[in-house]
Amino acid sequence: DESGSLATTDPTGQRIVAAQAALTTLADLSSNPVAGVTPMVEVKFAAFGADFSSLTDWSLLDRTTLDDLQPVVESFATRNTAQDTDFANALLGAELTLSEHASSLFQQGITGCNALMLFTDGKLDIETRASGEVKSYAPDLPLNVPGNADLAEQRAIGTLCDAGGVADRLRTSGVHVITIALASSIAAEDQAFTQALTTGTSDSTTCGEAPGTRGQY
């Protein structure tokens, strides 16, 4: 997440600390044989605010490459100026990226498991623009028209959570979604949404119809 709200919700950069810890754990995984087999771990970094942006290619991760990847994580200390927190564009971009990479590996005879780690301050937010920009999932809602940003947020929720939507597709394709919520002050309804997006359900809402057993919030 590189949205502007992070300047307030995470001023000390705890998302960087969390991401570095995750990266170190994954590097350790690639260095410890399991049942006589050493796992191959690959990682790719992306950012999202209004859109999804790939920051790196897929890279092998182990203890020898860990230091080379840390600067990418550290760059998020100043990535906190994006206008929106658009989970729909984030997960649409991640879905395509994971699918393309899995297909490439399959053609090489390699199969494995996929995980998406989402670091965010947890509120879906689309803002009004001065220009007539539109979202790909809401091409009829120019964001310079009063009220359309709110309508686009509802369209984003549908894109993610309708039956057969992005959340369902990630689950049925076997992607493990892991969400790390960064702000203790996240409103209850926003926590409920991000939890449902991750796992399929929370105490007060649901997202998608496929079983959410692969998600961790």
N, C-alpha and C. Protein backbone atom coordinates (compact mmCIF):
# COMPACT_ATOMS: atom_id res chain seq x y z
N ASP A 1 0.85 -1.18 0.00
CA ASP A 1 0.00 0.00 0.00
C ASP A 1 0.90 1.24 0.00
N GLU A 2 0.63 2.19 -0.93
CA GLU A 2 1.37 3.45 -0.96
C GLU A 2 0.42 4.64 -0.91
N SER A 3 -0.74 4.45 -0.30
CA SER A 3 -1.74 5.52 -0.25
C SER A 3 -1.32 6.63 0.70
N GLY A 4 -1.85 7.83 0.44
CA GLY A 4 -1.49 8.99 1.23
C GLY A 4 -1.86 8.89 2.69
N SER A 5 -2.85 8.08 3.01
CA SER A 5 -3.27 7.93 4.41
C SER A 5 -2.18 7.33 5.28
N LEU A 6 -1.21 6.64 4.67
CA LEU A 6 -0.15 6.00 5.45
C LEU A 6 0.74 7.02 6.15
N ALA A 7 0.80 8.24 5.64
CA ALA A 7 1.60 9.27 6.31
C ALA A 7 1.08 9.54 7.71
N THR A 8 -0.23 9.29 7.90
CA THR A 8 -0.85 9.48 9.22
C THR A 8 -0.94 8.18 9.99
N THR A 9 -1.35 7.09 9.31
CA THR A 9 -1.59 5.83 10.01
C THR A 9 -0.32 5.05 10.31
N ASP A 10 0.76 5.30 9.55
CA ASP A 10 2.00 4.56 9.78
C ASP A 10 3.20 5.50 9.62
N PRO A 11 3.26 6.57 10.44
CA PRO A 11 4.32 7.57 10.27
C PRO A 11 5.71 7.03 10.57
N THR A 12 5.82 5.98 11.37
CA THR A 12 7.14 5.44 11.72
C THR A 12 7.56 4.28 10.83
N GLY A 13 6.74 3.95 9.81
CA GLY A 13 7.14 2.93 8.85
C GLY A 13 7.13 1.52 9.37
N GLN A 14 6.15 1.18 10.20
CA GLN A 14 6.10 -0.19 10.71
C GLN A 14 5.80 -1.20 9.61
N ARG A 15 5.19 -0.75 8.50
CA ARG A 15 4.96 -1.66 7.38
C ARG A 15 6.28 -2.14 6.78
N ILE A 16 7.32 -1.29 6.84
CA ILE A 16 8.63 -1.69 6.33
C ILE A 16 9.23 -2.74 7.24
N VAL A 17 9.11 -2.54 8.55
CA VAL A 17 9.62 -3.53 9.51
C VAL A 17 8.92 -4.86 9.32
N ALA A 18 7.60 -4.82 9.14
CA ALA A 18 6.84 -6.06 8.94
C ALA A 18 7.24 -6.76 7.65
N ALA A 19 7.40 -6.00 6.58
CA ALA A 19 7.77 -6.60 5.30
C ALA A 19 9.19 -7.17 5.35
N GLN A 20 10.09 -6.51 6.04
CA GLN A 20 11.45 -7.04 6.18
C GLN A 20 11.45 -8.35 6.96
N ALA A 21 10.63 -8.42 8.00
CA ALA A 21 10.53 -9.66 8.77
C ALA A 21 9.99 -10.78 7.91
N ALA A 22 8.97 -10.47 7.08
CA ALA A 22 8.41 -11.49 6.19
C ALA A 22 9.44 -11.97 5.19
N LEU A 23 10.20 -11.03 4.64
CA LEU A 23 11.21 -11.37 3.65
C LEU A 23 12.29 -12.26 4.27
N THR A 24 12.70 -11.95 5.48
CA THR A 24 13.71 -12.76 6.15
C THR A 24 13.20 -14.17 6.41
N THR A 25 11.95 -14.29 6.82
CA THR A 25 11.35 -15.61 7.06
C THR A 25 11.31 -16.43 5.78
N LEU A 26 10.95 -15.79 4.68
CA LEU A 26 10.91 -16.51 3.40
C LEU A 26 12.31 -16.92 2.95
N ALA A 27 13.28 -16.06 3.20
CA ALA A 27 14.66 -16.41 2.86
C ALA A 27 15.12 -17.62 3.66
N ASP A 28 14.75 -17.68 4.93
CA ASP A 28 15.10 -18.84 5.76
C ASP A 28 14.42 -20.09 5.24
N LEU A 29 13.17 -19.96 4.77
CA LEU A 29 12.45 -21.11 4.23
C LEU A 29 13.20 -21.71 3.05
N SER A 30 13.76 -20.87 2.21
CA SER A 30 14.45 -21.37 1.02
C SER A 30 15.79 -21.99 1.35
N SER A 31 16.23 -21.85 2.59
CA SER A 31 17.53 -22.39 2.99
C SER A 31 17.41 -23.61 3.88
N ASN A 32 16.19 -24.07 4.12
CA ASN A 32 15.98 -25.22 5.01
C ASN A 32 15.24 -26.33 4.27
N PRO A 33 15.90 -27.44 4.01
CA PRO A 33 15.24 -28.54 3.31
C PRO A 33 14.01 -29.05 4.05
N VAL A 34 12.99 -29.40 3.30
CA VAL A 34 11.77 -30.00 3.84
C VAL A 34 11.64 -31.38 3.21
N ALA A 35 11.65 -32.42 4.04
CA ALA A 35 11.58 -33.80 3.55
C ALA A 35 12.65 -34.05 2.49
N GLY A 36 13.84 -33.47 2.71
CA GLY A 36 14.95 -33.70 1.81
C GLY A 36 14.97 -32.80 0.58
N VAL A 37 13.98 -31.91 0.47
CA VAL A 37 13.90 -31.02 -0.69
C VAL A 37 14.02 -29.58 -0.22
N THR A 38 14.89 -28.82 -0.86
CA THR A 38 15.03 -27.41 -0.52
C THR A 38 14.07 -26.59 -1.37
N PRO A 39 13.12 -25.90 -0.75
CA PRO A 39 12.16 -25.11 -1.52
C PRO A 39 12.84 -23.98 -2.30
N MET A 40 12.34 -23.71 -3.49
CA MET A 40 12.77 -22.55 -4.25
C MET A 40 11.74 -21.44 -4.01
N VAL A 41 12.19 -20.31 -3.53
CA VAL A 41 11.30 -19.19 -3.23
C VAL A 41 11.60 -18.05 -4.20
N GLU A 42 10.55 -17.54 -4.83
CA GLU A 42 10.67 -16.37 -5.69
C GLU A 42 9.72 -15.30 -5.17
N VAL A 43 10.14 -14.05 -5.26
CA VAL A 43 9.31 -12.94 -4.79
C VAL A 43 9.26 -11.86 -5.86
N LYS A 44 8.19 -11.11 -5.81
CA LYS A 44 8.02 -9.95 -6.67
C LYS A 44 7.36 -8.86 -5.85
N PHE A 45 7.80 -7.63 -6.01
CA PHE A 45 7.26 -6.50 -5.26
C PHE A 45 6.39 -5.64 -6.17
N ALA A 46 5.27 -5.20 -5.61
CA ALA A 46 4.38 -4.29 -6.32
C ALA A 46 3.81 -3.29 -5.33
N ALA A 47 3.36 -2.17 -5.84
CA ALA A 47 2.74 -1.14 -5.02
C ALA A 47 1.35 -0.86 -5.56
N PHE A 48 0.46 -0.41 -4.67
CA PHE A 48 -0.85 0.00 -5.13
C PHE A 48 -1.33 1.20 -4.35
N GLY A 49 -2.01 2.07 -5.07
CA GLY A 49 -2.73 3.20 -4.51
C GLY A 49 -3.97 3.35 -5.36
N ALA A 50 -3.88 4.20 -6.38
CA ALA A 50 -4.94 4.27 -7.37
C ALA A 50 -4.86 3.11 -8.35
N ASP A 51 -3.64 2.64 -8.63
CA ASP A 51 -3.39 1.57 -9.58
C ASP A 51 -2.43 0.55 -8.98
N PHE A 52 -2.19 -0.50 -9.73
CA PHE A 52 -1.22 -1.55 -9.37
C PHE A 52 0.04 -1.32 -10.19
N SER A 53 1.19 -1.28 -9.53
CA SER A 53 2.45 -1.03 -10.22
C SER A 53 3.48 -2.08 -9.81
N SER A 54 4.01 -2.81 -10.78
CA SER A 54 5.10 -3.74 -10.51
C SER A 54 6.38 -2.97 -10.28
N LEU A 55 7.10 -3.31 -9.23
CA LEU A 55 8.35 -2.62 -8.90
C LEU A 55 9.58 -3.44 -9.26
N THR A 56 9.44 -4.77 -9.30
CA THR A 56 10.56 -5.64 -9.62
C THR A 56 10.07 -6.78 -10.50
N ASP A 57 11.02 -7.47 -11.12
CA ASP A 57 10.72 -8.75 -11.73
C ASP A 57 10.70 -9.81 -10.64
N TRP A 58 10.33 -11.03 -11.02
CA TRP A 58 10.41 -12.14 -10.07
C TRP A 58 11.89 -12.42 -9.79
N SER A 59 12.22 -12.58 -8.52
CA SER A 59 13.61 -12.78 -8.10
C SER A 59 13.70 -13.96 -7.15
N LEU A 60 14.75 -14.75 -7.30
CA LEU A 60 15.02 -15.81 -6.33
C LEU A 60 15.38 -15.18 -4.99
N LEU A 61 14.84 -15.78 -3.94
CA LEU A 61 15.10 -15.27 -2.59
C LEU A 61 15.71 -16.37 -1.74
N ASP A 62 16.86 -16.10 -1.20
CA ASP A 62 17.49 -16.94 -0.19
C ASP A 62 18.40 -16.04 0.64
N ARG A 63 19.16 -16.63 1.51
CA ARG A 63 19.98 -15.81 2.40
C ARG A 63 21.05 -15.02 1.65
N THR A 64 21.44 -15.50 0.46
CA THR A 64 22.47 -14.78 -0.29
C THR A 64 21.91 -13.61 -1.08
N THR A 65 20.63 -13.60 -1.38
CA THR A 65 20.03 -12.52 -2.15
C THR A 65 19.20 -11.57 -1.29
N LEU A 66 19.04 -11.90 -0.02
CA LEU A 66 18.17 -11.11 0.86
C LEU A 66 18.58 -9.64 0.90
N ASP A 67 19.87 -9.37 1.07
CA ASP A 67 20.32 -7.98 1.19
C ASP A 67 20.06 -7.19 -0.09
N ASP A 68 20.08 -7.85 -1.23
CA ASP A 68 19.84 -7.15 -2.49
C ASP A 68 18.39 -6.69 -2.62
N LEU A 69 17.46 -7.37 -1.93
CA LEU A 69 16.05 -7.05 -2.05
C LEU A 69 15.56 -6.08 -0.98
N GLN A 70 16.33 -5.94 0.09
CA GLN A 70 15.88 -5.07 1.18
C GLN A 70 15.67 -3.61 0.75
N PRO A 71 16.49 -3.04 -0.15
CA PRO A 71 16.24 -1.65 -0.55
C PRO A 71 14.87 -1.42 -1.18
N VAL A 72 14.32 -2.44 -1.83
CA VAL A 72 12.99 -2.29 -2.40
C VAL A 72 11.97 -2.09 -1.29
N VAL A 73 12.11 -2.87 -0.22
CA VAL A 73 11.22 -2.72 0.92
C VAL A 73 11.40 -1.34 1.55
N GLU A 74 12.65 -0.93 1.71
CA GLU A 74 12.93 0.36 2.34
C GLU A 74 12.37 1.53 1.55
N SER A 75 12.22 1.36 0.24
CA SER A 75 11.70 2.46 -0.59
C SER A 75 10.27 2.83 -0.23
N PHE A 76 9.56 1.93 0.45
CA PHE A 76 8.17 2.23 0.83
C PHE A 76 8.08 3.26 1.95
N ALA A 77 9.20 3.60 2.56
CA ALA A 77 9.19 4.65 3.59
C ALA A 77 8.69 5.97 3.02
N THR A 78 8.93 6.20 1.73
CA THR A 78 8.47 7.44 1.10
C THR A 78 7.35 7.19 0.10
N ARG A 79 6.87 5.98 0.02
CA ARG A 79 5.74 5.67 -0.87
C ARG A 79 4.44 5.80 -0.06
N ASN A 80 4.00 7.02 0.12
CA ASN A 80 2.80 7.27 0.92
C ASN A 80 2.05 8.51 0.42
N THR A 81 2.00 8.64 -0.92
CA THR A 81 1.37 9.84 -1.48
C THR A 81 0.28 9.53 -2.50
N ALA A 82 -0.03 8.26 -2.73
CA ALA A 82 -1.03 7.92 -3.75
C ALA A 82 -2.42 8.39 -3.33
N GLN A 83 -3.26 8.70 -4.32
CA GLN A 83 -4.54 9.34 -4.03
C GLN A 83 -5.57 8.36 -3.46
N ASP A 84 -5.59 7.12 -3.93
CA ASP A 84 -6.61 6.17 -3.51
C ASP A 84 -5.99 5.02 -2.74
N THR A 85 -6.87 4.22 -2.13
CA THR A 85 -6.51 2.88 -1.65
C THR A 85 -7.45 1.93 -2.37
N ASP A 86 -7.06 1.52 -3.57
CA ASP A 86 -7.95 0.79 -4.47
C ASP A 86 -7.62 -0.70 -4.42
N PHE A 87 -8.33 -1.42 -3.54
CA PHE A 87 -8.09 -2.86 -3.42
C PHE A 87 -8.48 -3.62 -4.68
N ALA A 88 -9.44 -3.12 -5.43
CA ALA A 88 -9.85 -3.82 -6.65
C ALA A 88 -8.70 -3.82 -7.66
N ASN A 89 -8.13 -2.65 -7.93
CA ASN A 89 -7.00 -2.61 -8.85
C ASN A 89 -5.81 -3.39 -8.29
N ALA A 90 -5.62 -3.33 -6.97
CA ALA A 90 -4.50 -4.06 -6.35
C ALA A 90 -4.63 -5.56 -6.60
N LEU A 91 -5.79 -6.12 -6.32
CA LEU A 91 -5.94 -7.57 -6.44
C LEU A 91 -6.12 -8.02 -7.88
N LEU A 92 -6.70 -7.17 -8.74
CA LEU A 92 -6.74 -7.50 -10.17
C LEU A 92 -5.32 -7.59 -10.72
N GLY A 93 -4.46 -6.64 -10.33
CA GLY A 93 -3.08 -6.67 -10.79
C GLY A 93 -2.31 -7.86 -10.24
N ALA A 94 -2.52 -8.15 -8.96
CA ALA A 94 -1.84 -9.29 -8.35
C ALA A 94 -2.31 -10.60 -8.96
N GLU A 95 -3.61 -10.71 -9.21
CA GLU A 95 -4.16 -11.93 -9.82
C GLU A 95 -3.50 -12.19 -11.17
N LEU A 96 -3.41 -11.18 -12.01
CA LEU A 96 -2.81 -11.34 -13.33
C LEU A 96 -1.34 -11.68 -13.23
N THR A 97 -0.63 -11.01 -12.33
CA THR A 97 0.81 -11.25 -12.16
C THR A 97 1.08 -12.68 -11.72
N LEU A 98 0.33 -13.15 -10.73
CA LEU A 98 0.51 -14.51 -10.23
C LEU A 98 0.14 -15.55 -11.28
N SER A 99 -0.93 -15.29 -12.01
CA SER A 99 -1.38 -16.23 -13.03
C SER A 99 -0.35 -16.37 -14.15
N GLU A 100 0.17 -15.24 -14.61
CA GLU A 100 1.16 -15.27 -15.69
C GLU A 100 2.43 -15.99 -15.25
N HIS A 101 2.86 -15.76 -14.00
CA HIS A 101 4.08 -16.41 -13.54
C HIS A 101 3.87 -17.91 -13.34
N ALA A 102 2.71 -18.29 -12.80
CA ALA A 102 2.42 -19.71 -12.63
C ALA A 102 2.38 -20.42 -13.98
N SER A 103 1.82 -19.76 -14.99
CA SER A 103 1.77 -20.34 -16.33
C SER A 103 3.17 -20.52 -16.90
N SER A 104 4.02 -19.51 -16.70
CA SER A 104 5.40 -19.60 -17.18
C SER A 104 6.15 -20.75 -16.51
N LEU A 105 5.97 -20.89 -15.20
CA LEU A 105 6.63 -21.99 -14.49
C LEU A 105 6.10 -23.34 -14.92
N PHE A 106 4.79 -23.42 -15.14
CA PHE A 106 4.18 -24.68 -15.56
C PHE A 106 4.76 -25.16 -16.88
N GLN A 107 5.02 -24.21 -17.78
CA GLN A 107 5.60 -24.57 -19.08
C GLN A 107 7.01 -25.12 -18.92
N GLN A 108 7.65 -24.80 -17.78
CA GLN A 108 8.98 -25.34 -17.48
C GLN A 108 8.91 -26.62 -16.65
N GLY A 109 7.68 -27.09 -16.40
CA GLY A 109 7.50 -28.29 -15.60
C GLY A 109 7.59 -28.05 -14.11
N ILE A 110 7.38 -26.80 -13.69
CA ILE A 110 7.49 -26.45 -12.27
C ILE A 110 6.12 -26.08 -11.73
N THR A 111 5.74 -26.67 -10.63
CA THR A 111 4.51 -26.29 -9.94
C THR A 111 4.86 -25.93 -8.50
N GLY A 112 4.01 -25.15 -7.88
CA GLY A 112 4.28 -24.75 -6.50
C GLY A 112 3.05 -24.11 -5.89
N CYS A 113 3.26 -23.36 -4.84
CA CYS A 113 2.15 -22.65 -4.21
C CYS A 113 2.38 -21.16 -4.34
N ASN A 114 1.27 -20.42 -4.37
CA ASN A 114 1.31 -18.97 -4.53
C ASN A 114 0.78 -18.29 -3.28
N ALA A 115 1.42 -17.21 -2.89
CA ALA A 115 0.95 -16.42 -1.76
C ALA A 115 0.99 -14.94 -2.12
N LEU A 116 -0.01 -14.23 -1.67
CA LEU A 116 -0.07 -12.78 -1.83
C LEU A 116 -0.06 -12.16 -0.44
N MET A 117 0.96 -11.36 -0.15
CA MET A 117 1.05 -10.68 1.13
C MET A 117 0.68 -9.22 0.92
N LEU A 118 -0.36 -8.78 1.59
CA LEU A 118 -0.92 -7.45 1.40
C LEU A 118 -0.70 -6.63 2.67
N PHE A 119 0.16 -5.60 2.57
CA PHE A 119 0.43 -4.70 3.68
C PHE A 119 -0.37 -3.42 3.45
N THR A 120 -1.29 -3.09 4.35
CA THR A 120 -2.19 -1.97 4.11
C THR A 120 -2.69 -1.37 5.41
N ASP A 121 -3.14 -0.11 5.34
CA ASP A 121 -3.79 0.47 6.51
C ASP A 121 -5.29 0.26 6.47
N GLY A 122 -5.76 -0.49 5.46
CA GLY A 122 -7.03 -1.18 5.60
C GLY A 122 -8.32 -0.48 5.28
N LYS A 123 -8.33 0.61 4.54
CA LYS A 123 -9.60 1.25 4.20
C LYS A 123 -9.69 1.43 2.69
N LEU A 124 -10.66 0.79 2.06
CA LEU A 124 -10.93 1.02 0.65
C LEU A 124 -11.38 2.47 0.47
N ASP A 125 -10.67 3.20 -0.39
CA ASP A 125 -10.96 4.63 -0.54
C ASP A 125 -10.67 5.07 -1.96
N ILE A 126 -11.66 5.62 -2.63
CA ILE A 126 -11.50 6.21 -3.96
C ILE A 126 -11.97 7.65 -3.88
N GLU A 127 -11.14 8.56 -4.36
CA GLU A 127 -11.41 9.98 -4.18
C GLU A 127 -11.83 10.65 -5.49
N THR A 128 -12.55 11.74 -5.35
CA THR A 128 -12.95 12.56 -6.49
C THR A 128 -11.72 13.21 -7.11
N ARG A 129 -11.72 13.32 -8.44
CA ARG A 129 -10.62 13.91 -9.18
C ARG A 129 -11.04 15.23 -9.83
N ALA A 130 -10.04 16.00 -10.25
CA ALA A 130 -10.32 17.18 -11.07
C ALA A 130 -10.51 16.77 -12.53
N SER A 131 -9.92 15.63 -12.91
CA SER A 131 -10.03 15.14 -14.29
C SER A 131 -11.12 14.08 -14.38
N GLY A 132 -11.44 13.68 -15.59
CA GLY A 132 -12.47 12.67 -15.82
C GLY A 132 -11.94 11.26 -15.83
N GLU A 133 -10.91 11.00 -15.05
CA GLU A 133 -10.33 9.66 -14.95
C GLU A 133 -11.40 8.64 -14.55
N VAL A 134 -11.27 7.41 -15.07
CA VAL A 134 -12.19 6.33 -14.70
C VAL A 134 -11.39 5.11 -14.27
N LYS A 135 -12.05 4.21 -13.55
CA LYS A 135 -11.47 2.93 -13.19
C LYS A 135 -11.83 1.90 -14.26
N SER A 136 -10.96 0.91 -14.45
CA SER A 136 -11.22 -0.10 -15.48
C SER A 136 -12.50 -0.87 -15.19
N TYR A 137 -12.84 -1.04 -13.92
CA TYR A 137 -14.05 -1.79 -13.55
C TYR A 137 -15.27 -0.88 -13.43
N ALA A 138 -15.06 0.42 -13.67
CA ALA A 138 -16.17 1.39 -13.61
C ALA A 138 -15.98 2.43 -14.71
N PRO A 139 -15.96 2.00 -15.98
CA PRO A 139 -15.64 2.93 -17.07
C PRO A 139 -16.70 3.99 -17.31
N ASP A 140 -17.88 3.80 -16.73
CA ASP A 140 -18.98 4.74 -16.90
C ASP A 140 -19.07 5.76 -15.77
N LEU A 141 -18.06 5.79 -14.90
CA LEU A 141 -18.11 6.66 -13.73
C LEU A 141 -16.90 7.59 -13.70
N PRO A 142 -16.89 8.67 -14.49
CA PRO A 142 -15.78 9.62 -14.42
C PRO A 142 -15.68 10.23 -13.02
N LEU A 143 -14.48 10.25 -12.51
CA LEU A 143 -14.29 10.58 -11.09
C LEU A 143 -14.29 12.07 -10.80
N ASN A 144 -14.51 12.90 -11.82
CA ASN A 144 -14.68 14.33 -11.57
C ASN A 144 -16.15 14.70 -11.39
N VAL A 145 -17.05 13.73 -11.48
CA VAL A 145 -18.48 13.97 -11.29
C VAL A 145 -18.82 13.72 -9.83
N PRO A 146 -19.44 14.68 -9.15
CA PRO A 146 -19.78 14.48 -7.74
C PRO A 146 -20.58 13.20 -7.52
N GLY A 147 -20.19 12.44 -6.51
CA GLY A 147 -20.88 11.21 -6.16
C GLY A 147 -20.33 9.97 -6.85
N ASN A 148 -19.59 10.14 -7.94
CA ASN A 148 -19.11 8.96 -8.67
C ASN A 148 -18.01 8.21 -7.94
N ALA A 149 -17.23 8.91 -7.11
CA ALA A 149 -16.19 8.21 -6.35
C ALA A 149 -16.83 7.21 -5.38
N ASP A 150 -17.92 7.61 -4.74
CA ASP A 150 -18.62 6.68 -3.85
C ASP A 150 -19.20 5.51 -4.63
N LEU A 151 -19.74 5.79 -5.82
CA LEU A 151 -20.28 4.71 -6.64
C LEU A 151 -19.16 3.77 -7.11
N ALA A 152 -17.99 4.35 -7.41
CA ALA A 152 -16.86 3.52 -7.83
C ALA A 152 -16.39 2.62 -6.69
N GLU A 153 -16.46 3.11 -5.46
CA GLU A 153 -16.11 2.26 -4.32
C GLU A 153 -17.04 1.05 -4.25
N GLN A 154 -18.33 1.27 -4.47
CA GLN A 154 -19.27 0.16 -4.46
C GLN A 154 -18.98 -0.81 -5.62
N ARG A 155 -18.61 -0.26 -6.76
CA ARG A 155 -18.25 -1.11 -7.90
C ARG A 155 -16.99 -1.91 -7.58
N ALA A 156 -16.04 -1.29 -6.87
CA ALA A 156 -14.82 -2.00 -6.48
C ALA A 156 -15.15 -3.17 -5.56
N ILE A 157 -16.05 -2.94 -4.61
CA ILE A 157 -16.45 -4.02 -3.70
C ILE A 157 -17.09 -5.17 -4.49
N GLY A 158 -17.94 -4.84 -5.46
CA GLY A 158 -18.54 -5.87 -6.28
C GLY A 158 -17.51 -6.63 -7.09
N THR A 159 -16.54 -5.91 -7.66
CA THR A 159 -15.48 -6.55 -8.44
C THR A 159 -14.72 -7.56 -7.59
N LEU A 160 -14.53 -7.22 -6.34
CA LEU A 160 -13.80 -8.09 -5.43
C LEU A 160 -14.66 -9.22 -4.88
N CYS A 161 -15.87 -8.90 -4.48
CA CYS A 161 -16.61 -9.78 -3.59
C CYS A 161 -17.85 -10.45 -4.20
N ASP A 162 -18.27 -10.06 -5.39
CA ASP A 162 -19.39 -10.76 -6.03
C ASP A 162 -19.00 -12.21 -6.29
N ALA A 163 -19.98 -13.08 -6.41
CA ALA A 163 -19.71 -14.48 -6.74
C ALA A 163 -18.91 -14.55 -8.03
N GLY A 164 -17.81 -15.27 -8.00
CA GLY A 164 -16.94 -15.37 -9.16
C GLY A 164 -16.02 -14.18 -9.34
N GLY A 165 -16.01 -13.26 -8.38
CA GLY A 165 -15.15 -12.08 -8.45
C GLY A 165 -13.71 -12.40 -8.10
N VAL A 166 -12.93 -11.35 -7.92
CA VAL A 166 -11.49 -11.54 -7.73
C VAL A 166 -11.19 -12.39 -6.50
N ALA A 167 -11.87 -12.13 -5.40
CA ALA A 167 -11.60 -12.91 -4.17
C ALA A 167 -11.86 -14.39 -4.40
N ASP A 168 -12.99 -14.70 -5.04
CA ASP A 168 -13.30 -16.10 -5.33
C ASP A 168 -12.25 -16.72 -6.25
N ARG A 169 -11.84 -15.99 -7.26
CA ARG A 169 -10.89 -16.54 -8.23
C ARG A 169 -9.54 -16.82 -7.58
N LEU A 170 -9.09 -15.92 -6.71
CA LEU A 170 -7.83 -16.17 -6.02
C LEU A 170 -7.93 -17.43 -5.16
N ARG A 171 -9.05 -17.58 -4.46
CA ARG A 171 -9.19 -18.75 -3.58
C ARG A 171 -9.26 -20.04 -4.37
N THR A 172 -10.06 -20.07 -5.43
CA THR A 172 -10.22 -21.31 -6.19
C THR A 172 -8.96 -21.68 -6.96
N SER A 173 -8.11 -20.68 -7.24
CA SER A 173 -6.84 -20.99 -7.92
C SER A 173 -5.74 -21.36 -6.94
N GLY A 174 -6.05 -21.34 -5.64
CA GLY A 174 -5.10 -21.81 -4.63
C GLY A 174 -4.15 -20.76 -4.10
N VAL A 175 -4.43 -19.48 -4.32
CA VAL A 175 -3.56 -18.43 -3.80
C VAL A 175 -3.85 -18.21 -2.32
N HIS A 176 -2.81 -18.24 -1.51
CA HIS A 176 -2.92 -17.93 -0.10
C HIS A 176 -2.82 -16.41 0.07
N VAL A 177 -3.88 -15.78 0.54
CA VAL A 177 -3.87 -14.33 0.74
C VAL A 177 -3.60 -14.05 2.22
N ILE A 178 -2.57 -13.26 2.48
CA ILE A 178 -2.16 -12.93 3.84
C ILE A 178 -2.19 -11.41 3.95
N THR A 179 -3.06 -10.88 4.80
CA THR A 179 -3.19 -9.43 4.96
C THR A 179 -2.62 -9.00 6.30
N ILE A 180 -1.73 -8.02 6.24
CA ILE A 180 -1.16 -7.44 7.45
C ILE A 180 -1.72 -6.03 7.58
N ALA A 181 -2.64 -5.85 8.52
CA ALA A 181 -3.26 -4.55 8.75
C ALA A 181 -2.35 -3.71 9.63
N LEU A 182 -2.08 -2.48 9.21
CA LEU A 182 -0.99 -1.71 9.80
C LEU A 182 -1.40 -0.71 10.86
N ALA A 183 -2.68 -0.39 10.96
CA ALA A 183 -3.08 0.68 11.87
C ALA A 183 -4.04 0.16 12.92
N SER A 184 -3.72 0.41 14.18
CA SER A 184 -4.60 -0.04 15.26
C SER A 184 -5.88 0.77 15.31
N SER A 185 -5.90 1.91 14.60
CA SER A 185 -7.08 2.76 14.62
C SER A 185 -8.03 2.52 13.46
N ILE A 186 -7.85 1.42 12.72
CA ILE A 186 -8.74 1.11 11.61
C ILE A 186 -10.16 0.96 12.15
N ALA A 187 -11.11 1.62 11.50
CA ALA A 187 -12.51 1.53 11.92
C ALA A 187 -12.99 0.09 11.83
N ALA A 188 -13.94 -0.27 12.70
CA ALA A 188 -14.41 -1.66 12.78
C ALA A 188 -14.94 -2.14 11.44
N GLU A 189 -15.68 -1.28 10.73
CA GLU A 189 -16.25 -1.73 9.45
C GLU A 189 -15.17 -1.95 8.39
N ASP A 190 -14.08 -1.19 8.47
CA ASP A 190 -12.98 -1.37 7.53
C ASP A 190 -12.20 -2.64 7.87
N GLN A 191 -12.01 -2.91 9.15
CA GLN A 191 -11.39 -4.16 9.54
C GLN A 191 -12.22 -5.35 9.07
N ALA A 192 -13.53 -5.24 9.21
CA ALA A 192 -14.41 -6.33 8.79
C ALA A 192 -14.30 -6.59 7.30
N PHE A 193 -14.22 -5.51 6.52
CA PHE A 193 -14.11 -5.69 5.07
C PHE A 193 -12.79 -6.35 4.68
N THR A 194 -11.66 -5.84 5.20
CA THR A 194 -10.38 -6.42 4.81
C THR A 194 -10.24 -7.85 5.31
N GLN A 195 -10.82 -8.16 6.46
CA GLN A 195 -10.80 -9.55 6.93
C GLN A 195 -11.62 -10.44 6.01
N ALA A 196 -12.81 -9.97 5.62
CA ALA A 196 -13.65 -10.77 4.71
C ALA A 196 -12.98 -10.92 3.35
N LEU A 197 -12.35 -9.86 2.87
CA LEU A 197 -11.62 -9.94 1.60
C LEU A 197 -10.53 -11.00 1.66
N THR A 198 -9.92 -11.14 2.81
CA THR A 198 -8.81 -12.07 2.99
C THR A 198 -9.28 -13.50 3.22
N THR A 199 -10.26 -13.68 4.08
CA THR A 199 -10.64 -15.02 4.52
C THR A 199 -12.00 -15.49 3.99
N GLY A 200 -12.80 -14.57 3.47
CA GLY A 200 -14.13 -14.91 2.99
C GLY A 200 -15.24 -14.40 3.88
N THR A 201 -14.93 -14.23 5.17
CA THR A 201 -15.98 -13.79 6.08
C THR A 201 -15.37 -13.13 7.31
N SER A 202 -16.16 -12.28 7.94
CA SER A 202 -15.83 -11.73 9.25
C SER A 202 -17.11 -11.79 10.06
N ASP A 203 -17.10 -11.20 11.24
CA ASP A 203 -18.30 -11.25 12.09
C ASP A 203 -19.49 -10.55 11.43
N SER A 204 -19.20 -9.54 10.57
CA SER A 204 -20.30 -8.71 10.08
C SER A 204 -20.45 -8.66 8.57
N THR A 205 -19.56 -9.31 7.82
CA THR A 205 -19.66 -9.22 6.37
C THR A 205 -19.01 -10.43 5.72
N THR A 206 -19.29 -10.60 4.43
CA THR A 206 -18.68 -11.67 3.65
C THR A 206 -18.12 -11.07 2.37
N CYS A 207 -17.23 -11.80 1.74
CA CYS A 207 -16.65 -11.39 0.46
C CYS A 207 -16.41 -12.63 -0.37
N GLY A 208 -17.25 -12.81 -1.41
CA GLY A 208 -17.14 -13.99 -2.25
C GLY A 208 -17.89 -15.17 -1.67
N GLU A 209 -17.93 -16.24 -2.48
CA GLU A 209 -18.62 -17.44 -2.07
C GLU A 209 -17.73 -18.64 -1.90
N ALA A 210 -16.52 -18.60 -2.51
CA ALA A 210 -15.60 -19.72 -2.37
C ALA A 210 -15.09 -19.78 -0.94
N PRO A 211 -14.83 -20.98 -0.43
CA PRO A 211 -14.31 -21.11 0.94
C PRO A 211 -13.03 -20.31 1.12
N GLY A 212 -12.96 -19.59 2.23
CA GLY A 212 -11.81 -18.72 2.46
C GLY A 212 -10.77 -19.34 3.36
N THR A 213 -10.54 -20.64 3.24
CA THR A 213 -9.65 -21.34 4.17
C THR A 213 -8.19 -20.99 3.95
N ARG A 214 -7.85 -20.38 2.83
CA ARG A 214 -6.45 -20.10 2.55
C ARG A 214 -6.01 -18.73 3.06
N GLY A 215 -6.93 -17.91 3.53
CA GLY A 215 -6.58 -16.55 3.92
C GLY A 215 -6.16 -16.45 5.37
N GLN A 216 -5.25 -15.54 5.63
CA GLN A 216 -4.82 -15.23 6.99
C GLN A 216 -4.85 -13.72 7.16
N TYR A 217 -5.54 -13.26 8.23
CA TYR A 217 -5.67 -11.81 8.47
C TYR A 217 -5.06 -11.47 9.81
